[in-house]
PDB file of all heavy atoms in Angstrom:
ATOM      1  N   ASP A   1      89.131 104.726  96.720  1.00  0.00           N
ATOM      2  CA  ASP A   1      88.110 104.739  95.664  1.00  0.00           C
ATOM      3  C   ASP A   1      88.706 104.608  94.295  1.00  0.00           C
ATOM      4  O   ASP A   1      88.200 103.793  93.467  1.00  0.00           O
ATOM      5  CB  ASP A   1      87.317 106.028  95.807  1.00  0.00           C
ATOM      6  CG  ASP A   1      86.417 106.140  97.018  1.00  0.00           C
ATOM      7  OD1 ASP A   1      86.089 105.072  97.559  1.00  0.00           O
ATOM      8  OD2 ASP A   1      86.105 107.252  97.396  1.00  0.00           O
ATOM      9  N   ILE A   2      89.793 105.366  94.040  1.00  0.00           N
ATOM     10  CA  ILE A   2      90.437 105.236  92.691  1.00  0.00           C
ATOM     11  C   ILE A   2      91.036 103.819  92.540  1.00  0.00           C
ATOM     12  O   ILE A   2      90.931 103.290  91.461  1.00  0.00           O
ATOM     13  CB  ILE A   2      91.493 106.318  92.597  1.00  0.00           C
ATOM     14  CG1 ILE A   2      90.978 107.677  92.536  1.00  0.00           C
ATOM     15  CG2 ILE A   2      92.405 106.041  91.297  1.00  0.00           C
ATOM     16  CD1 ILE A   2      91.912 108.838  92.509  1.00  0.00           C
ATOM     17  N   LEU A   3      91.578 103.254  93.562  1.00  0.00           N
ATOM     18  CA  LEU A   3      92.150 101.926  93.473  1.00  0.00           C
ATOM     19  C   LEU A   3      91.099 100.857  93.075  1.00  0.00           C
ATOM     20  O   LEU A   3      91.261 100.101  92.220  1.00  0.00           O
ATOM     21  CB  LEU A   3      92.848 101.561  94.801  1.00  0.00           C
ATOM     22  CG  LEU A   3      93.751 100.411  94.851  1.00  0.00           C
ATOM     23  CD1 LEU A   3      94.871 100.496  93.843  1.00  0.00           C
ATOM     24  CD2 LEU A   3      94.298 100.274  96.225  1.00  0.00           C
ATOM     25  N   LEU A   4      89.951 101.008  93.848  1.00  0.00           N
ATOM     26  CA  LEU A   4      88.920 100.021  93.549  1.00  0.00           C
ATOM     27  C   LEU A   4      88.221 100.276  92.173  1.00  0.00           C
ATOM     28  O   LEU A   4      87.813  99.315  91.533  1.00  0.00           O
ATOM     29  CB  LEU A   4      87.823 100.142  94.609  1.00  0.00           C
ATOM     30  CG  LEU A   4      88.359  99.625  96.035  1.00  0.00           C
ATOM     31  CD1 LEU A   4      87.413 100.068  97.185  1.00  0.00           C
ATOM     32  CD2 LEU A   4      88.396  98.078  95.982  1.00  0.00           C
ATOM     33  N   GLU A   5      88.123 101.539  91.818  1.00  0.00           N
ATOM     34  CA  GLU A   5      87.553 101.803  90.491  1.00  0.00           C
ATOM     35  C   GLU A   5      88.431 101.200  89.349  1.00  0.00           C
ATOM     36  O   GLU A   5      87.940 100.765  88.366  1.00  0.00           O
ATOM     37  CB  GLU A   5      87.381 103.343  90.335  1.00  0.00           C
ATOM     38  CG  GLU A   5      86.260 103.927  91.114  1.00  0.00           C
ATOM     39  CD  GLU A   5      86.341 105.433  91.052  1.00  0.00           C
ATOM     40  OE1 GLU A   5      87.139 106.040  90.280  1.00  0.00           O
ATOM     41  OE2 GLU A   5      85.467 106.084  91.758  1.00  0.00           O
ATOM     42  N   THR A   6      89.741 101.277  89.598  1.00  0.00           N
ATOM     43  CA  THR A   6      90.681 100.766  88.588  1.00  0.00           C
ATOM     44  C   THR A   6      90.555  99.255  88.587  1.00  0.00           C
ATOM     45  O   THR A   6      90.488  98.615  87.447  1.00  0.00           O
ATOM     46  CB  THR A   6      92.164 101.129  89.012  1.00  0.00           C
ATOM     47  OG1 THR A   6      92.286 102.573  89.074  1.00  0.00           O
ATOM     48  CG2 THR A   6      93.142 100.555  88.019  1.00  0.00           C
ATOM     49  N   LEU A   7      90.475  98.547  89.687  1.00  0.00           N
ATOM     50  CA  LEU A   7      90.216  97.084  89.705  1.00  0.00           C
ATOM     51  C   LEU A   7      88.925  96.730  89.099  1.00  0.00           C
ATOM     52  O   LEU A   7      88.775  95.742  88.303  1.00  0.00           O
ATOM     53  CB  LEU A   7      90.290  96.542  91.105  1.00  0.00           C
ATOM     54  CG  LEU A   7      91.724  96.538  91.766  1.00  0.00           C
ATOM     55  CD1 LEU A   7      91.541  96.079  93.251  1.00  0.00           C
ATOM     56  CD2 LEU A   7      92.630  95.591  91.081  1.00  0.00           C
ATOM     57  N   ALA A   8      87.910  97.541  89.335  1.00  0.00           N
ATOM     58  CA  ALA A   8      86.551  97.201  88.790  1.00  0.00           C
ATOM     59  C   ALA A   8      86.450  97.260  87.272  1.00  0.00           C
ATOM     60  O   ALA A   8      85.598  96.614  86.721  1.00  0.00           O
ATOM     61  CB  ALA A   8      85.509  98.200  89.405  1.00  0.00           C
ATOM     62  N   LYS A   9      87.380  97.923  86.644  1.00  0.00           N
ATOM     63  CA  LYS A   9      87.372  97.957  85.128  1.00  0.00           C
ATOM     64  C   LYS A   9      87.751  96.614  84.567  1.00  0.00           C
ATOM     65  O   LYS A   9      87.307  96.287  83.462  1.00  0.00           O
ATOM     66  CB  LYS A   9      88.370  99.016  84.668  1.00  0.00           C
ATOM     67  CG  LYS A   9      88.028 100.447  84.999  1.00  0.00           C
ATOM     68  CD  LYS A   9      89.083 101.445  84.518  1.00  0.00           C
ATOM     69  CE  LYS A   9      88.650 102.834  84.845  1.00  0.00           C
ATOM     70  NZ  LYS A   9      89.756 103.874  84.443  1.00  0.00           N
ATOM     71  N   SER A  10      88.535  95.833  85.358  1.00  0.00           N
ATOM     72  CA  SER A  10      88.933  94.537  84.812  1.00  0.00           C
ATOM     73  C   SER A  10      88.365  93.337  85.600  1.00  0.00           C
ATOM     74  O   SER A  10      88.305  92.270  85.069  1.00  0.00           O
ATOM     75  CB  SER A  10      90.479  94.435  84.935  1.00  0.00           C
ATOM     76  OG  SER A  10      91.124  95.456  84.235  1.00  0.00           O
ATOM     77  N   ILE A  11      87.847  93.625  86.833  1.00  0.00           N
ATOM     78  CA  ILE A  11      87.284  92.520  87.644  1.00  0.00           C
ATOM     79  C   ILE A  11      85.746  92.819  87.822  1.00  0.00           C
ATOM     80  O   ILE A  11      85.359  93.744  88.577  1.00  0.00           O
ATOM     81  CB  ILE A  11      87.946  92.416  89.014  1.00  0.00           C
ATOM     82  CG1 ILE A  11      89.464  92.123  88.751  1.00  0.00           C
ATOM     83  CG2 ILE A  11      87.365  91.333  89.804  1.00  0.00           C
ATOM     84  CD1 ILE A  11      90.323  92.126  89.949  1.00  0.00           C
ATOM     85  N   HIS A  12      84.941  92.075  87.255  1.00  0.00           N
ATOM     86  CA  HIS A  12      83.519  92.278  87.281  1.00  0.00           C
ATOM     87  C   HIS A  12      82.861  91.265  88.284  1.00  0.00           C
ATOM     88  O   HIS A  12      82.246  90.295  87.955  1.00  0.00           O
ATOM     89  CB  HIS A  12      82.852  92.012  85.894  1.00  0.00           C
ATOM     90  CG  HIS A  12      83.358  93.017  84.896  1.00  0.00           C
ATOM     91  ND1 HIS A  12      83.085  92.865  83.453  1.00  0.00           N
ATOM     92  CD2 HIS A  12      84.226  94.053  85.009  1.00  0.00           C
ATOM     93  CE1 HIS A  12      83.684  93.847  82.867  1.00  0.00           C
ATOM     94  NE2 HIS A  12      84.426  94.605  83.722  1.00  0.00           N
ATOM     95  N   ASP A  13      83.196  91.454  89.591  1.00  0.00           N
ATOM     96  CA  ASP A  13      82.701  90.656  90.635  1.00  0.00           C
ATOM     97  C   ASP A  13      82.621  91.448  91.902  1.00  0.00           C
ATOM     98  O   ASP A  13      83.563  91.821  92.618  1.00  0.00           O
ATOM     99  CB  ASP A  13      83.763  89.491  90.814  1.00  0.00           C
ATOM    100  CG  ASP A  13      83.227  88.464  91.831  1.00  0.00           C
ATOM    101  OD1 ASP A  13      82.481  88.794  92.740  1.00  0.00           O
ATOM    102  OD2 ASP A  13      83.548  87.263  91.683  1.00  0.00           O
ATOM    103  N   GLY A  14      81.345  91.753  92.258  1.00  0.00           N
ATOM    104  CA  GLY A  14      81.068  92.724  93.375  1.00  0.00           C
ATOM    105  C   GLY A  14      81.537  92.135  94.681  1.00  0.00           C
ATOM    106  O   GLY A  14      82.071  92.808  95.565  1.00  0.00           O
ATOM    107  N   ARG A  15      81.374  90.773  94.942  1.00  0.00           N
ATOM    108  CA  ARG A  15      81.784  90.196  96.161  1.00  0.00           C
ATOM    109  C   ARG A  15      83.314  90.285  96.372  1.00  0.00           C
ATOM    110  O   ARG A  15      83.858  90.535  97.433  1.00  0.00           O
ATOM    111  CB  ARG A  15      81.339  88.754  96.236  1.00  0.00           C
ATOM    112  CG  ARG A  15      79.909  88.543  96.423  1.00  0.00           C
ATOM    113  CD  ARG A  15      79.523  87.130  96.839  1.00  0.00           C
ATOM    114  NE  ARG A  15      79.967  86.164  95.825  1.00  0.00           N
ATOM    115  CZ  ARG A  15      79.928  84.852  96.028  1.00  0.00           C
ATOM    116  NH1 ARG A  15      79.430  84.373  97.193  1.00  0.00           N
ATOM    117  NH2 ARG A  15      80.235  83.999  95.073  1.00  0.00           N
ATOM    118  N   PHE A  16      84.027  90.048  95.292  1.00  0.00           N
ATOM    119  CA  PHE A  16      85.486  90.155  95.395  1.00  0.00           C
ATOM    120  C   PHE A  16      85.997  91.516  95.673  1.00  0.00           C
ATOM    121  O   PHE A  16      86.852  91.750  96.533  1.00  0.00           O
ATOM    122  CB  PHE A  16      86.112  89.625  94.031  1.00  0.00           C
ATOM    123  CG  PHE A  16      87.589  89.513  94.060  1.00  0.00           C
ATOM    124  CD1 PHE A  16      88.240  88.418  94.610  1.00  0.00           C
ATOM    125  CD2 PHE A  16      88.339  90.564  93.493  1.00  0.00           C
ATOM    126  CE1 PHE A  16      89.620  88.300  94.593  1.00  0.00           C
ATOM    127  CE2 PHE A  16      89.753  90.477  93.545  1.00  0.00           C
ATOM    128  CZ  PHE A  16      90.355  89.367  94.119  1.00  0.00           C
ATOM    129  N   LEU A  17      85.394  92.533  95.004  1.00  0.00           N
ATOM    130  CA  LEU A  17      85.726  93.904  95.246  1.00  0.00           C
ATOM    131  C   LEU A  17      85.394  94.350  96.605  1.00  0.00           C
ATOM    132  O   LEU A  17      86.119  95.133  97.284  1.00  0.00           O
ATOM    133  CB  LEU A  17      85.117  94.794  94.170  1.00  0.00           C
ATOM    134  CG  LEU A  17      85.569  94.603  92.747  1.00  0.00           C
ATOM    135  CD1 LEU A  17      84.719  95.414  91.768  1.00  0.00           C
ATOM    136  CD2 LEU A  17      87.029  94.896  92.563  1.00  0.00           C
ATOM    137  N   ARG A  18      84.278  93.920  97.211  1.00  0.00           N
ATOM    138  CA  ARG A  18      83.938  94.172  98.576  1.00  0.00           C
ATOM    139  C   ARG A  18      84.995  93.635  99.593  1.00  0.00           C
ATOM    140  O   ARG A  18      85.349  94.271 100.566  1.00  0.00           O
ATOM    141  CB  ARG A  18      82.514  93.723  98.903  1.00  0.00           C
ATOM    142  CG  ARG A  18      81.378  94.494  98.314  1.00  0.00           C
ATOM    143  CD  ARG A  18      80.042  94.181  99.030  1.00  0.00           C
ATOM    144  NE  ARG A  18      79.655  92.828  98.848  1.00  0.00           N
ATOM    145  CZ  ARG A  18      78.978  92.369  97.791  1.00  0.00           C
ATOM    146  NH1 ARG A  18      78.657  93.219  96.813  1.00  0.00           N
ATOM    147  NH2 ARG A  18      78.650  91.075  97.692  1.00  0.00           N
ATOM    148  N   LEU A  19      85.452  92.455  99.223  1.00  0.00           N
ATOM    149  CA  LEU A  19      86.488  91.857 100.087  1.00  0.00           C
ATOM    150  C   LEU A  19      87.720  92.771 100.087  1.00  0.00           C
ATOM    151  O   LEU A  19      88.366  92.930 101.149  1.00  0.00           O
ATOM    152  CB  LEU A  19      86.772  90.450  99.614  1.00  0.00           C
ATOM    153  CG  LEU A  19      87.815  89.621 100.455  1.00  0.00           C
ATOM    154  CD1 LEU A  19      87.177  89.324 101.886  1.00  0.00           C
ATOM    155  CD2 LEU A  19      88.166  88.338  99.723  1.00  0.00           C
ATOM    156  N   ILE A  20      88.109  93.206  98.915  1.00  0.00           N
ATOM    157  CA  ILE A  20      89.309  94.060  98.814  1.00  0.00           C
ATOM    158  C   ILE A  20      89.129  95.413  99.545  1.00  0.00           C
ATOM    159  O   ILE A  20      89.950  95.917 100.253  1.00  0.00           O
ATOM    160  CB  ILE A  20      89.624  94.409  97.355  1.00  0.00           C
ATOM    161  CG1 ILE A  20      90.041  93.120  96.561  1.00  0.00           C
ATOM    162  CG2 ILE A  20      90.779  95.400  97.277  1.00  0.00           C
ATOM    163  CD1 ILE A  20      91.256  92.436  97.061  1.00  0.00           C
ATOM    164  N   ARG A  21      87.919  95.976  99.456  1.00  0.00           N
ATOM    165  CA  ARG A  21      87.549  97.163 100.127  1.00  0.00           C
ATOM    166  C   ARG A  21      87.680  96.942 101.669  1.00  0.00           C
ATOM    167  O   ARG A  21      88.159  97.796 102.386  1.00  0.00           O
ATOM    168  CB  ARG A  21      86.191  97.637  99.838  1.00  0.00           C
ATOM    169  CG  ARG A  21      85.710  98.960 100.605  1.00  0.00           C
ATOM    170  CD  ARG A  21      84.360  99.478 100.170  1.00  0.00           C
ATOM    171  NE  ARG A  21      84.375 100.018  98.859  1.00  0.00           N
ATOM    172  CZ  ARG A  21      84.744 101.239  98.579  1.00  0.00           C
ATOM    173  NH1 ARG A  21      85.131 102.090  99.591  1.00  0.00           N
ATOM    174  NH2 ARG A  21      84.656 101.677  97.333  1.00  0.00           N
ATOM    175  N   GLY A  22      87.179  95.830 102.126  1.00  0.00           N
ATOM    176  CA  GLY A  22      87.311  95.484 103.543  1.00  0.00           C
ATOM    177  C   GLY A  22      88.747  95.451 104.035  1.00  0.00           C
ATOM    178  O   GLY A  22      89.055  95.847 105.174  1.00  0.00           O
ATOM    179  N   LEU A  23      89.574  94.914 103.233  1.00  0.00           N
ATOM    180  CA  LEU A  23      91.091  94.832 103.480  1.00  0.00           C
ATOM    181  C   LEU A  23      91.628  96.322 103.622  1.00  0.00           C
ATOM    182  O   LEU A  23      92.361  96.586 104.586  1.00  0.00           O
ATOM    183  CB  LEU A  23      91.753  94.082 102.347  1.00  0.00           C
ATOM    184  CG  LEU A  23      93.315  94.136 102.410  1.00  0.00           C
ATOM    185  CD1 LEU A  23      93.837  93.474 103.742  1.00  0.00           C
ATOM    186  CD2 LEU A  23      93.883  93.444 101.247  1.00  0.00           C
ATOM    187  N   LEU A  24      91.260  97.126 102.737  1.00  0.00           N
ATOM    188  CA  LEU A  24      91.804  98.515 102.765  1.00  0.00           C
ATOM    189  C   LEU A  24      91.310  99.311 103.975  1.00  0.00           C
ATOM    190  O   LEU A  24      91.968 100.151 104.442  1.00  0.00           O
ATOM    191  CB  LEU A  24      91.378  99.218 101.426  1.00  0.00           C
ATOM    192  CG  LEU A  24      92.068  98.753 100.184  1.00  0.00           C
ATOM    193  CD1 LEU A  24      91.413  99.321  98.966  1.00  0.00           C
ATOM    194  CD2 LEU A  24      93.579  98.932 100.097  1.00  0.00           C
ATOM    195  N   LYS A  25      90.113  98.958 104.441  1.00  0.00           N
ATOM    196  CA  LYS A  25      89.470  99.674 105.465  1.00  0.00           C
ATOM    197  C   LYS A  25      89.648  99.090 106.872  1.00  0.00           C
ATOM    198  O   LYS A  25      89.121  99.527 107.884  1.00  0.00           O
ATOM    199  CB  LYS A  25      87.934  99.864 105.204  1.00  0.00           C
ATOM    200  CG  LYS A  25      87.591 100.587 103.919  1.00  0.00           C
ATOM    201  CD  LYS A  25      87.992 102.093 103.942  1.00  0.00           C
ATOM    202  CE  LYS A  25      87.493 102.837 102.754  1.00  0.00           C
ATOM    203  NZ  LYS A  25      87.939 104.227 102.824  1.00  0.00           N
ATOM    204  N   ALA A  26      90.438  97.996 106.952  1.00  0.00           N
ATOM    205  CA  ALA A  26      90.510  97.212 108.239  1.00  0.00           C
ATOM    206  C   ALA A  26      91.166  98.072 109.315  1.00  0.00           C
ATOM    207  O   ALA A  26      90.957  97.766 110.482  1.00  0.00           O
ATOM    208  CB  ALA A  26      91.283  95.970 107.969  1.00  0.00           C
ATOM    209  N   GLY A  27      92.016  99.052 109.002  1.00  0.00           N
ATOM    210  CA  GLY A  27      92.604  99.844 109.988  1.00  0.00           C
ATOM    211  C   GLY A  27      93.870  99.115 110.565  1.00  0.00           C
ATOM    212  O   GLY A  27      94.328  98.137 110.089  1.00  0.00           O
TER     213      GLY A  27
END
């Protein structure tokens, strides 16, 4: 959550951030 919140401050693109979240949660 902190990692994505940090990226979201500079990257204003929901689809891109969802892709990064999927990478982190892939297991």
